[in-house]
């Protein structure tokens, strides 16, 4: 089943505040901790595109939504 994972990304110096999301194919819904782990590659890519590399950031408000096939 496909799940859309979404979280708010906040850069600690507030240069970047945005939403990051990805879609994964898993047998069952991921736990909040697993969803956050699966979102890190997308978060890293967003931070790199925005020129905030090296800036500490965090993910919050992680949500998991099943997608219909």
Protein backbone atom coordinates (compact mmCIF):
# COMPACT_ATOMS: atom_id res chain seq x y z
CA UNK A 1 0.00 0.00 0.00
CA UNK A 2 1.18 3.53 -0.70
CA UNK A 3 1.46 6.05 2.13
CA UNK A 4 2.06 9.79 1.83
CA UNK A 5 4.38 11.00 4.59
CA UNK A 6 4.45 14.70 5.34
CA UNK A 7 6.19 16.84 7.98
CA UNK A 8 6.96 20.46 8.73
CA UNK A 9 10.66 21.24 8.34
CA UNK A 10 12.04 24.11 10.39
CA UNK A 11 15.60 25.35 10.00
CA UNK A 12 16.97 26.50 13.38
CA UNK A 13 18.05 29.90 12.08
CA UNK A 14 14.57 30.25 10.46
CA UNK A 15 15.91 30.66 6.92
CA UNK A 16 13.74 27.74 5.87
CA UNK A 17 10.26 26.82 7.06
CA UNK A 18 8.45 24.52 4.67
CA UNK A 19 6.64 21.21 4.28
CA UNK A 20 8.45 18.12 3.07
CA UNK A 21 6.73 14.98 1.83
CA UNK A 22 7.34 11.66 0.16
CA UNK A 23 5.33 8.60 -0.88
CA UNK A 24 6.40 5.13 0.21
CA UNK A 25 5.15 1.64 -0.59
CA UNK A 26 4.89 -0.41 2.61
CA UNK A 27 2.83 -3.38 3.78
CA UNK A 28 1.52 -1.45 6.79
CA UNK A 29 1.48 2.13 8.01
CA UNK A 30 4.82 3.22 9.48
CA UNK A 31 5.13 4.33 13.09
CA UNK A 32 5.75 8.06 13.64
CA UNK A 33 9.46 7.38 14.25
CA UNK A 34 9.76 5.28 11.08
CA UNK A 35 7.86 7.91 9.06
CA UNK A 36 10.29 10.58 10.28
CA UNK A 37 13.26 8.38 9.33
CA UNK A 38 11.79 7.87 5.86
CA UNK A 39 11.33 11.64 5.43
CA UNK A 40 14.98 12.56 6.13
CA UNK A 41 16.23 12.06 2.51
CA UNK A 42 13.52 14.42 1.21
CA UNK A 43 14.29 16.89 4.00
CA UNK A 44 18.03 16.79 3.24
CA UNK A 45 17.31 17.43 -0.45
CA UNK A 46 15.06 20.41 0.36
CA UNK A 47 17.66 21.91 2.69
CA UNK A 48 20.35 21.52 0.00
CA UNK A 49 18.13 23.17 -2.67
CA UNK A 50 17.47 26.13 -0.37
CA UNK A 51 21.18 26.69 0.39
CA UNK A 52 20.85 25.90 4.11
CA UNK A 53 23.36 23.04 4.16
CA UNK A 54 25.04 22.71 7.53
CA UNK A 55 22.17 24.44 9.31
CA UNK A 56 20.56 22.26 11.98
CA UNK A 57 16.89 21.57 11.36
CA UNK A 58 14.05 19.46 12.69
CA UNK A 59 10.91 17.78 11.47
CA UNK A 60 7.62 18.16 13.32
CA UNK A 61 3.92 17.47 12.73
CA UNK A 62 4.65 14.19 10.95
CA UNK A 63 1.54 12.73 9.32
CA UNK A 64 0.94 9.44 7.51
CA UNK A 65 -1.95 9.22 5.03
CA UNK A 66 -2.86 6.10 3.04
CA UNK A 67 -3.15 6.71 -0.69
CA UNK A 68 -5.64 4.83 -2.82
CA UNK A 69 -4.07 2.90 -5.67
